[in-house]
C-alpha atoms as a PDB file:
ATOM      1  CA  MET A   1      21.123  31.265   6.982  1.00  0.00           C
ATOM      2  CA  PRO A   2      19.997  29.346   3.857  1.00  0.00           C
ATOM      3  CA  ARG A   3      18.604  25.815   4.150  1.00  0.00           C
ATOM      4  CA  GLU A   4      20.008  23.438   1.535  1.00  0.00           C
ATOM      5  CA  HIS A   5      17.701  20.799   0.060  1.00  0.00           C
ATOM      6  CA  ASP A   6      18.559  19.511  -3.465  1.00  0.00           C
ATOM      7  CA  LYS A   7      15.363  17.476  -3.714  1.00  0.00           C
ATOM      8  CA  LEU A   8      12.375  17.266  -5.991  1.00  0.00           C
ATOM      9  CA  VAL A   9       9.396  19.238  -4.675  1.00  0.00           C
ATOM     10  CA  ARG A  10       5.820  19.756  -5.772  1.00  0.00           C
ATOM     11  CA  ASP A  11       5.379  22.303  -8.574  1.00  0.00           C
ATOM     12  CA  ASP A  12       3.829  25.038  -6.410  1.00  0.00           C
ATOM     13  CA  ILE A  13       6.461  24.961  -3.644  1.00  0.00           C
ATOM     14  CA  PRO A  14       8.625  27.832  -5.010  1.00  0.00           C
ATOM     15  CA  GLU A  15       5.555  30.102  -5.121  1.00  0.00           C
ATOM     16  CA  ILE A  16       4.496  29.049  -1.624  1.00  0.00           C
ATOM     17  CA  ILE A  17       7.994  29.833  -0.334  1.00  0.00           C
ATOM     18  CA  GLU A  18       7.818  33.289  -1.921  1.00  0.00           C
ATOM     19  CA  GLN A  19       4.392  33.896  -0.375  1.00  0.00           C
ATOM     20  CA  ASN A  20       6.006  33.148   2.985  1.00  0.00           C
ATOM     21  CA  GLY A  21       8.482  35.989   2.397  1.00  0.00           C
ATOM     22  CA  GLU A  22      11.438  33.768   1.561  1.00  0.00           C
ATOM     23  CA  THR A  23      13.447  33.461  -1.652  1.00  0.00           C
ATOM     24  CA  PRO A  24      13.772  30.003  -3.198  1.00  0.00           C
ATOM     25  CA  THR A  25      16.599  28.965  -5.477  1.00  0.00           C
ATOM     26  CA  PHE A  26      15.519  26.166  -7.778  1.00  0.00           C
ATOM     27  CA  ARG A  27      16.059  24.580 -11.170  1.00  0.00           C
ATOM     28  CA  THR A  28      14.137  22.171 -13.340  1.00  0.00           C
ATOM     29  CA  VAL A  29      15.449  18.803 -14.445  1.00  0.00           C
ATOM     30  CA  ASP A  30      14.426  16.349 -17.116  1.00  0.00           C
ATOM     31  CA  GLY A  31      15.545  13.074 -18.638  1.00  0.00           C
ATOM     32  CA  ASP A  32      17.804  10.865 -16.551  1.00  0.00           C
ATOM     33  CA  ALA A  33      18.209  13.518 -13.851  1.00  0.00           C
ATOM     34  CA  TYR A  34      14.425  13.828 -13.458  1.00  0.00           C
ATOM     35  CA  GLU A  35      14.111  10.052 -13.259  1.00  0.00           C
ATOM     36  CA  GLN A  36      16.736   9.879 -10.504  1.00  0.00           C
ATOM     37  CA  TYR A  37      15.088  12.695  -8.530  1.00  0.00           C
ATOM     38  CA  LEU A  38      11.741  10.880  -8.827  1.00  0.00           C
ATOM     39  CA  LEU A  39      13.279   7.683  -7.489  1.00  0.00           C
ATOM     40  CA  ASP A  40      14.952   9.579  -4.648  1.00  0.00           C
ATOM     41  CA  LYS A  41      11.624  11.284  -3.852  1.00  0.00           C
ATOM     42  CA  LEU A  42       9.814   7.966  -3.826  1.00  0.00           C
ATOM     43  CA  GLN A  43      12.316   6.589  -1.316  1.00  0.00           C
ATOM     44  CA  GLU A  44      12.038   9.755   0.800  1.00  0.00           C
ATOM     45  CA  GLU A  45       8.246   9.532   0.931  1.00  0.00           C
ATOM     46  CA  VAL A  46       8.250   5.799   1.678  1.00  0.00           C
ATOM     47  CA  ASP A  47      10.755   6.338   4.501  1.00  0.00           C
ATOM     48  CA  GLU A  48       8.616   9.144   5.936  1.00  0.00           C
ATOM     49  CA  TYR A  49       5.475   7.005   5.809  1.00  0.00           C
ATOM     50  CA  VAL A  50       7.192   4.043   7.460  1.00  0.00           C
ATOM     51  CA  GLU A  51       8.540   6.299  10.206  1.00  0.00           C
ATOM     52  CA  ASP A  52       5.443   8.462  10.859  1.00  0.00           C
ATOM     53  CA  ARG A  53       2.535   6.347   9.524  1.00  0.00           C
ATOM     54  CA  ASP A  54       0.971   9.670   8.505  1.00  0.00           C
ATOM     55  CA  ILE A  55      -1.723   9.196   5.850  1.00  0.00           C
ATOM     56  CA  GLU A  56      -0.504  12.415   4.169  1.00  0.00           C
ATOM     57  CA  GLU A  57       2.780  10.634   3.425  1.00  0.00           C
ATOM     58  CA  LEU A  58       0.847   7.774   1.839  1.00  0.00           C
ATOM     59  CA  ALA A  59      -0.838  10.310  -0.454  1.00  0.00           C
ATOM     60  CA  ASP A  60       2.608  11.741  -1.283  1.00  0.00           C
ATOM     61  CA  ILE A  61       3.787   8.259  -2.278  1.00  0.00           C
ATOM     62  CA  LEU A  62       0.863   7.986  -4.686  1.00  0.00           C
ATOM     63  CA  GLU A  63       1.637  11.404  -6.165  1.00  0.00           C
ATOM     64  CA  VAL A  64       5.238  10.348  -6.832  1.00  0.00           C
ATOM     65  CA  VAL A  65       4.069   7.022  -8.288  1.00  0.00           C
ATOM     66  CA  HIS A  66       1.806   8.934 -10.683  1.00  0.00           C
ATOM     67  CA  ALA A  67       4.729  11.162 -11.712  1.00  0.00           C
ATOM     68  CA  ILE A  68       6.890   8.080 -12.336  1.00  0.00           C
ATOM     69  CA  ARG A  69       4.042   6.496 -14.305  1.00  0.00           C
ATOM     70  CA  GLU A  70       3.820   9.590 -16.518  1.00  0.00           C
ATOM     71  CA  PHE A  71       7.613   9.661 -16.915  1.00  0.00           C
ATOM     72  CA  GLU A  72       7.463   6.023 -18.063  1.00  0.00           C
ATOM     73  CA  GLY A  73       4.738   6.895 -20.574  1.00  0.00           C
ATOM     74  CA  LEU A  74       2.044   4.805 -18.910  1.00  0.00           C
ATOM     75  CA  SER A  75      -1.559   5.859 -18.516  1.00  0.00           C
ATOM     76  CA  GLU A  76      -3.410   5.267 -15.259  1.00  0.00           C
ATOM     77  CA  VAL A  77      -5.403   2.580 -17.075  1.00  0.00           C
ATOM     78  CA  ASP A  78      -2.191   0.854 -18.251  1.00  0.00           C
ATOM     79  CA  LEU A  79      -0.667   0.827 -14.786  1.00  0.00           C
ATOM     80  CA  ASP A  80      -3.866  -0.374 -13.179  1.00  0.00           C
ATOM     81  CA  ALA A  81      -4.145  -3.168 -15.762  1.00  0.00           C
ATOM     82  CA  ILE A  82      -0.604  -4.291 -14.911  1.00  0.00           C
ATOM     83  CA  ARG A  83      -1.440  -4.174 -11.202  1.00  0.00           C
ATOM     84  CA  GLU A  84      -4.621  -6.189 -11.770  1.00  0.00           C
ATOM     85  CA  ARG A  85      -2.808  -8.770 -13.932  1.00  0.00           C
ATOM     86  CA  LYS A  86      -0.194  -9.264 -11.226  1.00  0.00           C
ATOM     87  CA  ALA A  87      -2.932  -9.585  -8.602  1.00  0.00           C
ATOM     88  CA  GLU A  88      -4.717 -12.204 -10.697  1.00  0.00           C
ATOM     89  CA  ASN A  89      -1.515 -14.172 -11.321  1.00  0.00           C
ATOM     90  CA  HIS A  90       0.104 -13.861  -7.892  1.00  0.00           C
ATOM     91  CA  GLY A  91      -2.562 -12.562  -5.522  1.00  0.00           C
ATOM     92  CA  ARG A  92      -2.656  -9.391  -3.485  1.00  0.00           C
ATOM     93  CA  PHE A  93      -1.232  -8.537  -0.081  1.00  0.00           C
ATOM     94  CA  ALA A  94      -4.528  -8.882   1.797  1.00  0.00           C
ATOM     95  CA  ASP A  95      -3.912 -12.110   3.723  1.00  0.00           C
ATOM     96  CA  GLY A  96      -0.710 -11.110   5.542  1.00  0.00           C
ATOM     97  CA  ILE A  97       1.271 -14.096   4.251  1.00  0.00           C
ATOM     98  CA  VAL A  98       4.958 -13.988   5.198  1.00  0.00           C
ATOM     99  CA  LEU A  99       7.216 -16.414   3.327  1.00  0.00           C
ATOM    100  CA  GLU A 100       9.816 -17.731   5.743  1.00  0.00           C
ATOM    101  CA  ARG A 101      11.598 -20.409   3.795  1.00  0.00           C
ATOM    102  CA  VAL A 102      11.539 -22.565   0.658  1.00  0.00           C
ATOM    103  CA  GLU A 103      13.287 -25.906   0.785  1.00  0.00           C
ATOM    104  CA  GLU A 104      14.488 -27.843  -2.241  1.00  0.00           C
END
């Protein structure tokens, strides 16, 4: 019985499936569809990491972030510069600060 997925997978997955004696059905997407599948994949990987706390899932999140970065036309240097600028202007997440309330 076939397993249905309809999700973005790593580029070598169809070949790996074939090597396992199974037959994959797949298509490629681009443009807006690719962007949406990337966003869905990012959410999937984040959910898996939050649930399992498996370091492999954290690496998957980074891989998806790099794919999104490329889709957006940013280099690694550009993205890192943006990250650094935000850290300089607003700090990092190292101190465990939780904002509970702001009163006017």
